[in-house]
């Protein structure tokens, strides 16, 4: 039987936090993988950090059936200050 957590012990709390974050990440990616398998023709999963890459932009354009539209914008790299830019809003 698991031992109760001692919330007064910062190391124990940190260990639990890391385990829970790891569990969340594992479950999140398992759910994405399942959705991708079930809806391959209607779901494209891309990593946020790749959105500025022209190859990723081409993949998205091909997926939704439009001519490739590329942008020189680089969003969310190192900071979120660029989130105020309204240039590429839909």
C-alpha atoms as a PDB file:
ATOM      1  CA  UNK A   1       0.000   0.000   0.000  1.00  0.00           C
ATOM      2  CA  UNK A   2       1.366   3.472  -0.876  1.00  0.00           C
ATOM      3  CA  UNK A   3       2.582   5.634   1.951  1.00  0.00           C
ATOM      4  CA  UNK A   4       0.761   8.942   2.510  1.00  0.00           C
ATOM      5  CA  UNK A   5       2.567  11.964   1.132  1.00  0.00           C
ATOM      6  CA  UNK A   6       4.281  14.218   3.626  1.00  0.00           C
ATOM      7  CA  UNK A   7       3.415  17.659   2.239  1.00  0.00           C
ATOM      8  CA  UNK A   8       5.901  19.199   4.650  1.00  0.00           C
ATOM      9  CA  UNK A   9       8.718  17.472   2.741  1.00  0.00           C
ATOM     10  CA  UNK A  10       9.566  19.626  -0.314  1.00  0.00           C
ATOM     11  CA  UNK A  11      11.510  16.796  -1.964  1.00  0.00           C
ATOM     12  CA  UNK A  12       8.540  14.426  -1.680  1.00  0.00           C
ATOM     13  CA  UNK A  13       6.185  17.049  -3.085  1.00  0.00           C
ATOM     14  CA  UNK A  14       8.572  17.786  -5.964  1.00  0.00           C
ATOM     15  CA  UNK A  15       8.911  14.075  -6.715  1.00  0.00           C
ATOM     16  CA  UNK A  16       5.128  13.713  -6.845  1.00  0.00           C
ATOM     17  CA  UNK A  17       4.822  16.780  -9.079  1.00  0.00           C
ATOM     18  CA  UNK A  18       7.343  15.343 -11.539  1.00  0.00           C
ATOM     19  CA  UNK A  19       5.559  11.989 -11.588  1.00  0.00           C
ATOM     20  CA  UNK A  20       2.189  13.645 -12.213  1.00  0.00           C
ATOM     21  CA  UNK A  21       3.584  15.850 -14.980  1.00  0.00           C
ATOM     22  CA  UNK A  22       5.173  12.774 -16.564  1.00  0.00           C
ATOM     23  CA  UNK A  23       1.869  10.929 -16.374  1.00  0.00           C
ATOM     24  CA  UNK A  24       0.032  13.873 -17.943  1.00  0.00           C
ATOM     25  CA  UNK A  25       2.537  14.069 -20.819  1.00  0.00           C
ATOM     26  CA  UNK A  26       2.346  10.310 -21.432  1.00  0.00           C
ATOM     27  CA  UNK A  27      -1.472  10.343 -21.448  1.00  0.00           C
ATOM     28  CA  UNK A  28      -1.586  13.458 -23.641  1.00  0.00           C
ATOM     29  CA  UNK A  29       0.666  11.946 -26.315  1.00  0.00           C
ATOM     30  CA  UNK A  30      -1.169   8.619 -26.151  1.00  0.00           C
ATOM     31  CA  UNK A  31      -4.457  10.443 -26.774  1.00  0.00           C
ATOM     32  CA  UNK A  32      -2.923  12.377 -29.686  1.00  0.00           C
ATOM     33  CA  UNK A  33      -1.556   9.191 -31.189  1.00  0.00           C
ATOM     34  CA  UNK A  34      -4.948   7.508 -30.906  1.00  0.00           C
ATOM     35  CA  UNK A  35      -6.682  10.466 -32.560  1.00  0.00           C
ATOM     36  CA  UNK A  36      -4.088  10.561 -35.317  1.00  0.00           C
ATOM     37  CA  UNK A  37      -4.611   6.847 -36.010  1.00  0.00           C
ATOM     38  CA  UNK A  38      -8.413   7.179 -36.060  1.00  0.00           C
ATOM     39  CA  UNK A  39      -8.651  10.404 -38.069  1.00  0.00           C
ATOM     40  CA  UNK A  40      -5.559  10.306 -40.272  1.00  0.00           C
ATOM     41  CA  UNK A  41      -7.356  11.947 -43.219  1.00  0.00           C
ATOM     42  CA  UNK A  42      -8.816  14.810 -41.211  1.00  0.00           C
ATOM     43  CA  UNK A  43      -6.243  15.496 -38.491  1.00  0.00           C
ATOM     44  CA  UNK A  44      -2.738  16.879 -38.839  1.00  0.00           C
ATOM     45  CA  UNK A  45      -0.636  17.157 -35.724  1.00  0.00           C
ATOM     46  CA  UNK A  46       2.280  19.576 -35.818  1.00  0.00           C
ATOM     47  CA  UNK A  47       4.595  20.774 -33.111  1.00  0.00           C
ATOM     48  CA  UNK A  48       4.121  24.437 -32.189  1.00  0.00           C
ATOM     49  CA  UNK A  49       7.828  25.141 -32.446  1.00  0.00           C
ATOM     50  CA  UNK A  50       7.780  23.970 -36.090  1.00  0.00           C
ATOM     51  CA  UNK A  51       5.069  26.388 -37.239  1.00  0.00           C
ATOM     52  CA  UNK A  52       7.650  28.929 -38.451  1.00  0.00           C
ATOM     53  CA  UNK A  53       9.441  26.315 -40.560  1.00  0.00           C
ATOM     54  CA  UNK A  54       8.585  26.563 -44.272  1.00  0.00           C
ATOM     55  CA  UNK A  55       8.390  22.751 -44.576  1.00  0.00           C
ATOM     56  CA  UNK A  56       5.784  22.637 -41.812  1.00  0.00           C
ATOM     57  CA  UNK A  57       3.845  25.468 -43.430  1.00  0.00           C
ATOM     58  CA  UNK A  58       3.890  23.560 -46.743  1.00  0.00           C
ATOM     59  CA  UNK A  59       2.664  20.413 -44.996  1.00  0.00           C
ATOM     60  CA  UNK A  60      -0.235  22.359 -43.477  1.00  0.00           C
ATOM     61  CA  UNK A  61      -1.090  24.026 -46.797  1.00  0.00           C
ATOM     62  CA  UNK A  62      -1.021  20.662 -48.586  1.00  0.00           C
ATOM     63  CA  UNK A  63      -3.163  19.101 -45.870  1.00  0.00           C
ATOM     64  CA  UNK A  64      -5.895  21.727 -46.121  1.00  0.00           C
ATOM     65  CA  UNK A  65      -5.634  21.936 -49.896  1.00  0.00           C
ATOM     66  CA  UNK A  66      -4.444  25.487 -50.492  1.00  0.00           C
ATOM     67  CA  UNK A  67      -1.496  26.975 -52.305  1.00  0.00           C
ATOM     68  CA  UNK A  68       1.441  27.278 -50.006  1.00  0.00           C
ATOM     69  CA  UNK A  69       1.462  30.474 -48.013  1.00  0.00           C
ATOM     70  CA  UNK A  70       4.692  31.110 -46.185  1.00  0.00           C
ATOM     71  CA  UNK A  71       5.443  33.744 -43.650  1.00  0.00           C
ATOM     72  CA  UNK A  72       8.670  35.173 -42.374  1.00  0.00           C
ATOM     73  CA  UNK A  73       7.092  35.534 -38.976  1.00  0.00           C
ATOM     74  CA  UNK A  74       8.628  33.650 -36.094  1.00  0.00           C
ATOM     75  CA  UNK A  75       6.187  33.315 -33.238  1.00  0.00           C
ATOM     76  CA  UNK A  76       6.701  32.068 -29.704  1.00  0.00           C
ATOM     77  CA  UNK A  77      10.404  31.509 -30.028  1.00  0.00           C
ATOM     78  CA  UNK A  78      12.114  32.383 -26.747  1.00  0.00           C
ATOM     79  CA  UNK A  79       9.364  34.847 -25.685  1.00  0.00           C
ATOM     80  CA  UNK A  80       5.640  35.396 -26.076  1.00  0.00           C
ATOM     81  CA  UNK A  81       5.969  39.136 -26.775  1.00  0.00           C
ATOM     82  CA  UNK A  82       5.119  38.583 -30.432  1.00  0.00           C
ATOM     83  CA  UNK A  83       1.645  37.395 -29.477  1.00  0.00           C
ATOM     84  CA  UNK A  84       0.412  40.977 -29.640  1.00  0.00           C
ATOM     85  CA  UNK A  85       1.093  41.125 -33.409  1.00  0.00           C
ATOM     86  CA  UNK A  86      -2.217  40.969 -35.303  1.00  0.00           C
ATOM     87  CA  UNK A  87      -0.661  40.279 -38.743  1.00  0.00           C
ATOM     88  CA  UNK A  88      -1.501  36.580 -39.011  1.00  0.00           C
ATOM     89  CA  UNK A  89      -4.833  36.426 -37.188  1.00  0.00           C
ATOM     90  CA  UNK A  90      -7.704  34.490 -38.751  1.00  0.00           C
END
